[in-house]
């Protein structure tokens, strides 16, 4: 370890120090202020003469008389199975008045990339109990499926519902051991949001199988850059060393990216799109790509990052880059929310790219894919008819067009709408889908097999609609 008292400049969350030899990139630093306080930081940039350090706890109180000690190691997370049930701050320190953590080992928070050859393709259906996800945008184990939301929308309620209800029905039926853990990483959320999450975790007993990392809005922004890495390092230990199926919820990725922009501005980097660093795509990929399964390993990591789109703009760099890296998105819609639909997920712009591999015979039901495609097509046509009604009025539409209008309304009220405390099994979700498809003439069902129509289609529902 080497100690210096050669601070030359303090800029935002950064401290610049003169050194007489090169210092390792990402090396951990301790800074002791004149009044005896100790701050931790990390080397961002290093030359033979100067080092740039990002300070996790903020630079207030640091001056040129402060001493800087380079510890000669990168930042590590103390991991142990006893972390389950604990609440930590954004730097990994316990804040739940519990005992000190006695780790099994300490792991580098950057982690190691999973060898693509060793990856096992995700194809195990995860039942979230949310019809609009299970039925039309299916989540599979080892997938990274973000929630695209916006300010003021109930994305937190949806994430909590998924965390409470997620299960793998196939393994439960076979009696296999399905140890399940939730890693919750909060970045820059408000105290109100934090209390909401903690109240739900404690009320439902989910805290016993969860590890919570909490970086609040009034905590240092630079701390947000390490919070998700601490969470994912813990997830990797539980998944690949202890055999847990781990669900990682990261919120809010937008706050994380704002921290990257703040650090980039302090370093006077040339900005990219809308002022964000040009390396933001690479940085986000380093987080998202830590989800997955490994051949021969029993555990898995499934990620649900949450991001709030600034100005509801899905073309904003944060959701845009996230969409390139992840395997789809769940879109929370402001219009559905204003109608009181819970959860207000719009299935049309939502997507799960791995859905086809996680559904069907032996996984869910043989008719799952056809029902999903037919519901999607029918709802899309119903939405088109709604636009047409605004121009010509409903009286000018044909009987067929009115059928699709009725279908769209019933689809939102019966399939999408279910509340945040209702847990639907996949069979119930698909049965509701068939009830809705039976509102349409049988001749319109061109995306499902004839055998499935014969088994599930209900002629009496169509007759009732025709009578009305």
Protein backbone atom coordinates (compact mmCIF):
# COMPACT_ATOMS: atom_id res chain seq x y z
CA UNK A 1 0.00 0.00 0.00
CA UNK A 2 1.21 3.51 -0.83
CA UNK A 3 0.05 6.74 0.78
CA UNK A 4 0.09 10.15 -0.92
CA UNK A 5 -0.78 13.71 0.09
CA UNK A 6 -0.64 15.06 -3.44
CA UNK A 7 -4.26 15.88 -4.33
CA UNK A 8 -4.16 18.43 -7.17
CA UNK A 9 -7.84 18.88 -8.02
CA UNK A 10 -11.34 17.98 -6.85
CA UNK A 11 -14.08 18.00 -9.52
CA UNK A 12 -17.56 16.79 -8.63
CA UNK A 13 -17.25 13.15 -7.51
CA UNK A 14 -13.63 12.93 -8.76
CA UNK A 15 -10.32 13.49 -7.00
CA UNK A 16 -7.08 13.87 -9.00
CA UNK A 17 -3.81 12.79 -7.39
CA UNK A 18 -0.17 13.04 -8.47
CA UNK A 19 1.72 9.74 -8.20
CA UNK A 20 5.31 8.69 -8.77
CA UNK A 21 4.43 5.30 -10.34
CA UNK A 22 1.51 3.75 -12.26
CA UNK A 23 -1.54 2.64 -10.28
CA UNK A 24 -3.80 -0.21 -11.34
CA UNK A 25 -7.12 0.53 -13.06
CA UNK A 26 -10.15 -0.08 -10.77
CA UNK A 27 -7.88 -0.23 -7.71
CA UNK A 28 -9.59 0.62 -4.42
CA UNK A 29 -8.51 3.77 -2.57
CA UNK A 30 -9.00 5.04 0.97
CA UNK A 31 -9.03 8.81 1.50
CA UNK A 32 -8.58 10.15 5.03
CA UNK A 33 -9.74 13.72 5.58
CA UNK A 34 -8.20 16.21 8.00
CA UNK A 35 -10.93 15.50 10.60
CA UNK A 36 -10.23 11.75 10.53
CA UNK A 37 -13.10 10.60 8.29
CA UNK A 38 -12.38 7.81 5.81
CA UNK A 39 -13.87 7.64 2.32
CA UNK A 40 -13.56 4.87 -0.23
CA UNK A 41 -12.96 5.37 -3.92
CA UNK A 42 -11.94 3.59 -7.09
CA UNK A 43 -9.34 4.42 -9.73
CA UNK A 44 -11.03 5.55 -12.94
CA UNK A 45 -7.99 6.60 -14.93
CA UNK A 46 -4.28 6.16 -14.42
CA UNK A 47 -1.07 7.44 -16.00
CA UNK A 48 2.52 7.37 -14.78
CA UNK A 49 2.03 10.78 -13.13
CA UNK A 50 -1.68 11.30 -12.38
CA UNK A 51 -4.62 9.23 -11.14
CA UNK A 52 -8.35 10.05 -11.33
CA UNK A 53 -10.38 8.60 -8.44
CA UNK A 54 -14.15 8.40 -8.16
CA UNK A 55 -15.21 8.72 -4.50
CA UNK A 56 -18.18 6.57 -3.52
CA UNK A 57 -19.34 8.59 -0.48
CA UNK A 58 -18.93 12.02 -2.11
CA UNK A 59 -16.05 14.50 -1.98
CA UNK A 60 -17.42 16.85 0.69
CA UNK A 61 -14.71 17.51 3.32
CA UNK A 62 -11.86 16.35 1.11
CA UNK A 63 -9.09 18.92 0.52
CA UNK A 64 -5.43 19.03 -0.53
CA UNK A 65 -4.31 18.01 2.98
CA UNK A 66 -6.24 14.74 2.81
CA UNK A 67 -4.17 11.58 2.48
CA UNK A 68 -4.79 9.01 -0.26
CA UNK A 69 -3.89 5.33 0.23
CA UNK A 70 -3.91 2.88 -2.67
CA UNK A 71 -4.81 -0.57 -1.34
CA UNK A 72 -3.43 -2.62 -4.22
CA UNK A 73 -6.65 -4.57 -4.93
CA UNK A 74 -9.91 -4.11 -6.79
CA UNK A 75 -13.26 -3.85 -5.02
CA UNK A 76 -14.62 -7.13 -3.72
CA UNK A 77 -17.98 -8.25 -2.37
CA UNK A 78 -18.03 -10.51 0.72
CA UNK A 79 -20.37 -13.35 -0.26
CA UNK A 80 -22.08 -15.99 1.84
CA UNK A 81 -25.43 -17.76 1.86
CA UNK A 82 -26.15 -15.88 5.11
CA UNK A 83 -26.69 -12.72 3.04
CA UNK A 84 -30.25 -13.93 2.40
CA UNK A 85 -32.61 -11.85 4.51
CA UNK A 86 -30.15 -8.94 4.82
CA UNK A 87 -30.48 -5.29 3.77
CA UNK A 88 -27.30 -3.52 2.63
CA UNK A 89 -26.54 0.00 1.45
CA UNK A 90 -25.35 0.78 -2.06
CA UNK A 91 -21.74 0.04 -1.08
CA UNK A 92 -22.54 -3.38 0.42
CA UNK A 93 -22.51 -2.39 4.12
CA UNK A 94 -25.32 -3.80 6.35
CA UNK A 95 -27.99 -1.25 7.35
CA UNK A 96 -30.51 -3.59 8.98
CA UNK A 97 -28.98 -3.63 12.50
CA UNK A 98 -28.07 -7.28 11.94
CA UNK A 99 -24.78 -8.96 12.81
CA UNK A 100 -21.60 -8.40 10.88
CA UNK A 101 -21.29 -10.43 7.69
CA UNK A 102 -18.83 -13.33 7.97
CA UNK A 103 -18.09 -14.12 4.31
CA UNK A 104 -17.23 -17.47 2.77
CA UNK A 105 -15.06 -15.55 0.32
CA UNK A 106 -14.58 -12.12 -1.23
CA UNK A 107 -15.22 -11.78 -4.97
CA UNK A 108 -14.29 -9.15 -7.50
CA UNK A 109 -17.46 -7.17 -8.29
CA UNK A 110 -16.58 -6.92 -12.00
CA UNK A 111 -17.14 -10.67 -12.25
CA UNK A 112 -16.10 -12.95 -15.07
CA UNK A 113 -17.88 -13.13 -18.40
CA UNK A 114 -19.68 -16.43 -19.01
CA UNK A 115 -17.96 -18.37 -21.77
CA UNK A 116 -20.51 -18.49 -24.63
CA UNK A 117 -19.68 -22.15 -25.19
CA UNK A 118 -20.59 -22.90 -21.56
CA UNK A 119 -23.91 -21.08 -21.68
CA UNK A 120 -27.03 -23.20 -21.56
CA UNK A 121 -29.80 -21.90 -23.78
CA UNK A 122 -32.70 -20.50 -21.69
CA UNK A 123 -35.85 -22.55 -22.28
CA UNK A 124 -37.51 -23.23 -18.92
CA UNK A 125 -40.86 -21.47 -18.54
CA UNK A 126 -41.12 -19.17 -15.51
CA UNK A 127 -44.70 -18.63 -14.37
CA UNK A 128 -45.08 -15.09 -13.06
CA UNK A 129 -48.82 -15.37 -12.48
CA UNK A 130 -49.34 -12.27 -14.68
CA UNK A 131 -51.44 -13.23 -17.71
CA UNK A 132 -50.17 -10.57 -20.09
CA UNK A 133 -46.59 -11.78 -19.44
CA UNK A 134 -47.14 -15.54 -19.16
CA UNK A 135 -49.58 -15.70 -22.05
CA UNK A 136 -48.03 -13.30 -24.55
CA UNK A 137 -44.52 -12.28 -23.45
CA UNK A 138 -43.28 -15.33 -21.60
CA UNK A 139 -40.30 -15.09 -19.26
CA UNK A 140 -37.84 -18.00 -19.25
CA UNK A 141 -35.18 -18.88 -16.71
CA UNK A 142 -31.84 -17.23 -17.48
CA UNK A 143 -33.40 -14.45 -19.57
CA UNK A 144 -32.92 -10.71 -19.22
CA UNK A 145 -36.31 -9.07 -19.75
CA UNK A 146 -36.50 -5.37 -18.80
CA UNK A 147 -39.56 -3.37 -17.81
CA UNK A 148 -39.85 -0.13 -19.81
CA UNK A 149 -41.87 2.35 -17.81
CA UNK A 150 -42.11 6.10 -17.20
CA UNK A 151 -42.33 8.47 -14.29
CA UNK A 152 -45.47 7.98 -12.19
CA UNK A 153 -46.38 4.54 -13.55
CA UNK A 154 -46.71 1.47 -11.28
CA UNK A 155 -43.64 -0.47 -12.45
CA UNK A 156 -42.61 -1.12 -8.85
CA UNK A 157 -45.92 -2.87 -8.11
CA UNK A 158 -45.46 -5.08 -11.17
CA UNK A 159 -41.89 -5.96 -10.20
CA UNK A 160 -42.98 -6.87 -6.67
CA UNK A 161 -45.79 -9.03 -8.03
CA UNK A 162 -43.34 -10.93 -10.22
CA UNK A 163 -40.90 -11.34 -7.32
CA UNK A 164 -43.67 -12.78 -5.09
CA UNK A 165 -45.26 -15.10 -7.62
CA UNK A 166 -42.46 -16.35 -9.89
CA UNK A 167 -42.15 -20.14 -10.01
CA UNK A 168 -41.16 -22.98 -12.36
CA UNK A 169 -44.27 -25.24 -12.54
CA UNK A 170 -42.50 -28.09 -14.36
CA UNK A 171 -39.97 -28.59 -11.55
CA UNK A 172 -42.63 -28.27 -8.87
CA UNK A 173 -44.64 -31.06 -10.50
CA UNK A 174 -41.55 -33.27 -10.67
CA UNK A 175 -40.77 -32.62 -7.01
CA UNK A 176 -37.37 -31.10 -7.72
CA UNK A 177 -35.66 -28.78 -5.26
CA UNK A 178 -36.30 -25.25 -6.50
CA UNK A 179 -34.53 -22.94 -4.10
CA UNK A 180 -35.46 -19.44 -5.20
CA UNK A 181 -33.80 -16.16 -4.24
CA UNK A 182 -34.45 -12.52 -5.11
CA UNK A 183 -31.67 -9.96 -5.39
CA UNK A 184 -33.04 -6.43 -5.33
CA UNK A 185 -30.69 -3.62 -6.36
CA UNK A 186 -32.05 -0.10 -5.93
CA UNK A 187 -30.22 2.81 -7.55
CA UNK A 188 -31.26 6.36 -6.77
CA UNK A 189 -34.83 5.56 -5.70
CA UNK A 190 -36.74 7.77 -3.26
CA UNK A 191 -37.23 6.93 0.40
CA UNK A 192 -40.94 6.43 -0.33
CA UNK A 193 -40.17 3.82 -2.99
CA UNK A 194 -37.67 2.14 -0.69
CA UNK A 195 -40.27 1.91 2.09
CA UNK A 196 -42.79 0.49 -0.37
CA UNK A 197 -40.40 -2.27 -1.42
CA UNK A 198 -39.33 -3.09 2.13
CA UNK A 199 -42.92 -3.14 3.46
CA UNK A 200 -43.91 -5.59 0.72
CA UNK A 201 -40.86 -7.79 1.27
CA UNK A 202 -41.57 -7.96 5.01
CA UNK A 203 -45.36 -8.35 4.70
CA UNK A 204 -45.13 -11.28 2.29
CA UNK A 205 -42.13 -12.93 3.95
CA UNK A 206 -40.12 -12.52 0.74
CA UNK A 207 -37.27 -10.83 2.66
CA UNK A 208 -36.20 -14.20 4.06
CA UNK A 209 -35.13 -15.30 0.57
CA UNK A 210 -33.94 -11.88 -0.61
CA UNK A 211 -30.84 -9.73 -0.50
CA UNK A 212 -31.55 -6.00 -0.76
CA UNK A 213 -29.01 -3.37 -1.89
CA UNK A 214 -30.35 0.13 -1.29
CA UNK A 215 -28.87 3.28 -2.85
CA UNK A 216 -31.31 6.14 -2.26
CA UNK A 217 -31.73 9.40 -4.17
CA UNK A 218 -29.85 11.35 -1.48
CA UNK A 219 -26.91 8.94 -1.52
CA UNK A 220 -23.86 9.74 -3.67
CA UNK A 221 -24.53 9.29 -7.36
CA UNK A 222 -21.18 7.63 -7.96
CA UNK A 223 -22.18 4.84 -5.55
CA UNK A 224 -24.85 3.85 -8.09
CA UNK A 225 -22.16 2.59 -10.44
CA UNK A 226 -21.13 -0.17 -8.01
CA UNK A 227 -24.55 -1.09 -6.52
CA UNK A 228 -25.68 -3.30 -9.46
CA UNK A 229 -22.25 -4.97 -9.60
CA UNK A 230 -22.42 -5.84 -5.91
CA UNK A 231 -25.93 -7.25 -6.47
CA UNK A 232 -24.91 -9.32 -9.50
CA UNK A 233 -21.79 -10.67 -7.77
CA UNK A 234 -24.02 -11.88 -4.93
CA UNK A 235 -26.42 -13.38 -7.48
CA UNK A 236 -23.61 -15.27 -9.22
CA UNK A 237 -22.43 -16.77 -5.93
CA UNK A 238 -25.93 -17.92 -4.95
CA UNK A 239 -26.71 -19.25 -8.44
CA UNK A 240 -23.52 -20.96 -9.53
CA UNK A 241 -22.03 -21.92 -6.14
CA UNK A 242 -25.14 -22.59 -4.05
CA UNK A 243 -27.55 -23.75 -6.79
CA UNK A 244 -30.26 -21.11 -6.34
CA UNK A 245 -32.52 -19.87 -9.10
CA UNK A 246 -31.98 -16.13 -8.68
CA UNK A 247 -34.25 -13.34 -9.88
CA UNK A 248 -32.37 -10.02 -10.03
CA UNK A 249 -34.47 -6.84 -10.05
CA UNK A 250 -32.52 -3.64 -10.79
CA UNK A 251 -34.28 -0.29 -10.46
CA UNK A 252 -33.84 2.33 -11.76
CA UNK A 253 -31.38 1.83 -14.64
CA UNK A 254 -32.06 5.41 -15.74
CA UNK A 255 -30.58 6.70 -12.45
CA UNK A 256 -27.55 4.49 -13.04
CA UNK A 257 -27.03 5.99 -16.50
CA UNK A 258 -27.41 9.52 -15.10
CA UNK A 259 -24.56 8.70 -12.70
CA UNK A 260 -22.44 7.61 -15.68
CA UNK A 261 -23.19 10.91 -17.38
CA UNK A 262 -22.27 12.88 -14.25
CA UNK A 263 -18.93 11.09 -13.96
CA UNK A 264 -18.27 11.55 -17.68
CA UNK A 265 -18.90 15.29 -17.39
CA UNK A 266 -16.54 15.54 -14.40
CA UNK A 267 -13.84 13.77 -16.45
CA UNK A 268 -14.52 16.18 -19.34
CA UNK A 269 -15.14 13.27 -21.71
CA UNK A 270 -16.48 13.90 -25.20
CA UNK A 271 -20.22 13.18 -24.79
CA UNK A 272 -22.25 10.82 -26.97
CA UNK A 273 -26.01 10.89 -27.64
CA UNK A 274 -27.82 13.41 -25.42
CA UNK A 275 -24.74 13.87 -23.28
CA UNK A 276 -24.37 10.25 -22.19
CA UNK A 277 -20.93 8.61 -22.43
CA UNK A 278 -20.10 6.90 -25.68
CA UNK A 279 -19.26 3.71 -23.75
CA UNK A 280 -22.69 3.45 -22.13
CA UNK A 281 -23.70 0.56 -24.41
CA UNK A 282 -20.64 -1.44 -23.31
CA UNK A 283 -21.23 -0.55 -19.67
CA UNK A 284 -24.87 -1.68 -19.73
CA UNK A 285 -23.90 -4.87 -21.56
CA UNK A 286 -21.46 -5.70 -18.75
CA UNK A 287 -24.44 -5.72 -16.38
CA UNK A 288 -27.11 -7.38 -18.52
CA UNK A 289 -24.88 -10.15 -19.86
CA UNK A 290 -24.31 -11.48 -16.34
CA UNK A 291 -27.72 -13.16 -16.59
CA UNK A 292 -27.94 -16.72 -17.84
CA UNK A 293 -27.37 -20.40 -17.14
CA UNK A 294 -24.18 -22.47 -17.26
CA UNK A 295 -24.01 -26.05 -18.49
CA UNK A 296 -23.67 -28.47 -15.61
CA UNK A 297 -24.75 -25.86 -13.04
CA UNK A 298 -28.09 -26.18 -11.29
CA UNK A 299 -28.64 -22.49 -10.62
CA UNK A 300 -29.59 -19.62 -12.90
CA UNK A 301 -29.75 -15.83 -12.99
CA UNK A 302 -32.81 -14.14 -14.49
CA UNK A 303 -32.72 -10.35 -14.75
CA UNK A 304 -35.59 -7.86 -14.72
CA UNK A 305 -34.05 -4.39 -15.03
CA UNK A 306 -36.51 -1.52 -14.63
CA UNK A 307 -35.97 1.78 -16.41
CA UNK A 308 -38.12 4.89 -16.59
CA UNK A 309 -38.05 6.37 -20.08
CA UNK A 310 -37.45 10.15 -19.94
CA UNK A 311 -40.49 11.94 -21.43
CA UNK A 312 -42.03 8.51 -22.23
CA UNK A 313 -39.57 8.33 -25.16
CA UNK A 314 -38.76 4.74 -26.13
CA UNK A 315 -36.14 6.05 -28.61
CA UNK A 316 -34.18 7.65 -25.75
CA UNK A 317 -30.61 6.24 -25.58
CA UNK A 318 -31.20 4.28 -22.34
CA UNK A 319 -34.19 2.16 -23.50
CA UNK A 320 -32.81 2.10 -27.03
CA UNK A 321 -29.48 0.57 -26.01
CA UNK A 322 -31.15 -1.70 -23.46
CA UNK A 323 -33.41 -3.07 -26.18
CA UNK A 324 -30.38 -4.05 -28.28
CA UNK A 325 -28.74 -5.96 -25.42
CA UNK A 326 -31.69 -7.68 -23.73
CA UNK A 327 -34.15 -10.27 -25.03
CA UNK A 328 -37.22 -8.09 -25.33
CA UNK A 329 -39.10 -5.68 -23.06
CA UNK A 330 -42.30 -5.36 -21.03
CA UNK A 331 -43.85 -1.95 -21.71
CA UNK A 332 -45.93 -0.26 -19.01
CA UNK A 333 -48.48 1.99 -20.76
CA UNK A 334 -49.72 5.35 -19.49
CA UNK A 335 -53.04 5.08 -21.37
CA UNK A 336 -53.93 1.71 -19.82
CA UNK A 337 -52.92 3.02 -16.42
CA UNK A 338 -55.28 5.98 -16.77
CA UNK A 339 -58.10 3.46 -17.45
CA UNK A 340 -57.36 1.74 -14.13
CA UNK A 341 -55.96 -1.42 -15.75
CA UNK A 342 -53.69 -3.32 -13.34
CA UNK A 343 -51.01 -4.09 -14.39
CA UNK A 344 -51.07 -1.59 -17.30
CA UNK A 345 -48.86 -3.64 -19.64
CA UNK A 346 -49.40 -3.02 -23.35
CA UNK A 347 -48.82 -6.37 -25.13
CA UNK A 348 -48.40 -4.85 -28.60
CA UNK A 349 -44.99 -3.13 -28.14
CA UNK A 350 -43.93 -5.70 -25.50
CA UNK A 351 -41.79 -8.61 -26.61
CA UNK A 352 -40.03 -11.71 -25.28
CA UNK A 353 -37.57 -12.99 -27.86
CA UNK A 354 -37.07 -16.30 -26.04
CA UNK A 355 -40.78 -17.00 -25.60
CA UNK A 356 -41.09 -19.62 -28.35
CA UNK A 357 -38.43 -21.81 -26.73
CA UNK A 358 -40.09 -21.75 -23.32
CA UNK A 359 -43.68 -22.65 -24.24
CA UNK A 360 -45.54 -25.50 -25.91
CA UNK A 361 -46.04 -29.19 -25.28
CA UNK A 362 -44.18 -30.40 -22.20
CA UNK A 363 -43.48 -26.86 -21.00
CA UNK A 364 -46.85 -25.11 -20.84
CA UNK A 365 -49.58 -26.30 -23.21
CA UNK A 366 -49.56 -27.27 -26.87
CA UNK A 367 -51.94 -24.45 -27.79
CA UNK A 368 -49.93 -21.70 -26.04
CA UNK A 369 -48.16 -20.35 -29.12
CA UNK A 370 -51.28 -20.26 -31.27
CA UNK A 371 -53.38 -18.58 -28.57
CA UNK A 372 -50.68 -15.95 -28.05
CA UNK A 373 -50.38 -15.16 -31.77
CA UNK A 374 -54.16 -15.03 -32.24
CA UNK A 375 -54.70 -12.76 -29.22
CA UNK A 376 -51.98 -10.45 -30.45
CA UNK A 377 -53.43 -10.24 -33.97
CA UNK A 378 -57.00 -9.74 -32.76
CA UNK A 379 -56.04 -7.04 -30.25
CA UNK A 380 -53.94 -5.23 -32.86
CA UNK A 381 -56.92 -5.20 -35.25
CA UNK A 382 -59.19 -3.99 -32.45
CA UNK A 383 -56.78 -1.10 -31.80
CA UNK A 384 -56.90 -0.21 -35.50
CA UNK A 385 -60.70 -0.12 -35.37
CA UNK A 386 -60.56 2.23 -32.38
CA UNK A 387 -58.59 4.68 -34.49
CA UNK A 388 -61.14 4.33 -37.29
CA UNK A 389 -64.05 5.00 -34.90
CA UNK A 390 -62.53 8.39 -34.09
CA UNK A 391 -62.97 9.34 -37.75
CA UNK A 392 -66.19 7.73 -38.99
CA UNK A 393 -68.05 6.76 -35.79
CA UNK A 394 -69.00 3.27 -34.65
CA UNK A 395 -72.27 3.20 -36.62
CA UNK A 396 -70.32 3.24 -39.90
CA UNK A 397 -68.39 0.07 -39.05
CA UNK A 398 -69.32 -3.41 -40.22
CA UNK A 399 -70.42 -6.21 -37.87
CA UNK A 400 -66.96 -7.75 -38.15
CA UNK A 401 -65.28 -4.48 -37.18
CA UNK A 402 -67.58 -4.11 -34.18
CA UNK A 403 -66.66 -7.64 -33.08
CA UNK A 404 -63.01 -6.64 -32.93
CA UNK A 405 -63.86 -3.48 -31.03
CA UNK A 406 -65.73 -5.54 -28.44
CA UNK A 407 -62.84 -7.98 -28.33
CA UNK A 408 -60.25 -5.24 -27.61
CA UNK A 409 -62.32 -3.90 -24.73
CA UNK A 410 -62.93 -7.36 -23.24
CA UNK A 411 -59.25 -8.28 -23.70
CA UNK A 412 -58.14 -5.33 -21.57
CA UNK A 413 -60.80 -5.87 -18.91
CA UNK A 414 -60.46 -9.67 -18.55
CA UNK A 415 -56.99 -10.68 -19.74
CA UNK A 416 -54.71 -7.71 -18.96
CA UNK A 417 -56.63 -6.54 -15.91
CA UNK A 418 -56.12 -8.81 -12.92
CA UNK A 419 -54.78 -6.65 -10.07
CA UNK A 420 -51.44 -6.94 -8.30
CA UNK A 421 -52.46 -9.66 -5.86
CA UNK A 422 -53.93 -12.21 -8.30
CA UNK A 423 -51.73 -15.18 -9.18
CA UNK A 424 -52.97 -16.95 -12.32
CA UNK A 425 -51.66 -20.33 -13.38
CA UNK A 426 -50.82 -20.69 -17.06
CA UNK A 427 -53.83 -22.97 -17.71
CA UNK A 428 -56.15 -20.30 -16.32
CA UNK A 429 -54.48 -17.65 -18.48
CA UNK A 430 -54.89 -19.72 -21.65
CA UNK A 431 -58.51 -20.57 -20.78
CA UNK A 432 -59.29 -16.86 -20.45
CA UNK A 433 -57.64 -16.38 -23.83
CA UNK A 434 -59.93 -18.98 -25.42
CA UNK A 435 -62.98 -17.35 -23.82
CA UNK A 436 -62.01 -14.11 -25.52
CA UNK A 437 -61.19 -15.71 -28.88
CA UNK A 438 -64.61 -17.37 -28.84
CA UNK A 439 -66.09 -13.87 -29.22
CA UNK A 440 -64.81 -13.90 -32.80
CA UNK A 441 -66.16 -16.02 -35.67
CA UNK A 442 -64.36 -19.32 -35.97
CA UNK A 443 -63.34 -18.44 -39.51
CA UNK A 444 -61.27 -15.53 -38.14
CA UNK A 445 -59.04 -17.83 -36.07
CA UNK A 446 -56.28 -18.47 -38.60
CA UNK A 447 -53.32 -18.67 -36.20
CA UNK A 448 -54.39 -21.65 -34.08
CA UNK A 449 -54.57 -25.33 -35.02
CA UNK A 450 -57.91 -26.81 -36.01
CA UNK A 451 -57.55 -29.47 -33.31
CA UNK A 452 -57.15 -26.76 -30.66
CA UNK A 453 -60.18 -24.90 -32.01
CA UNK A 454 -62.24 -28.05 -31.81
CA UNK A 455 -61.15 -28.64 -28.20
CA UNK A 456 -61.33 -25.11 -26.77
CA UNK A 457 -63.52 -22.91 -28.99
CA UNK A 458 -66.91 -22.10 -27.43
CA UNK A 459 -69.72 -21.61 -29.95
CA UNK A 460 -72.11 -20.34 -27.29
CA UNK A 461 -69.90 -17.29 -26.63
CA UNK A 462 -70.01 -16.27 -30.32
CA UNK A 463 -73.77 -16.82 -30.38
CA UNK A 464 -74.19 -14.60 -27.31
CA UNK A 465 -72.14 -11.83 -28.91
CA UNK A 466 -74.18 -12.09 -32.13
CA UNK A 467 -77.44 -11.85 -30.15
CA UNK A 468 -76.20 -8.73 -28.33
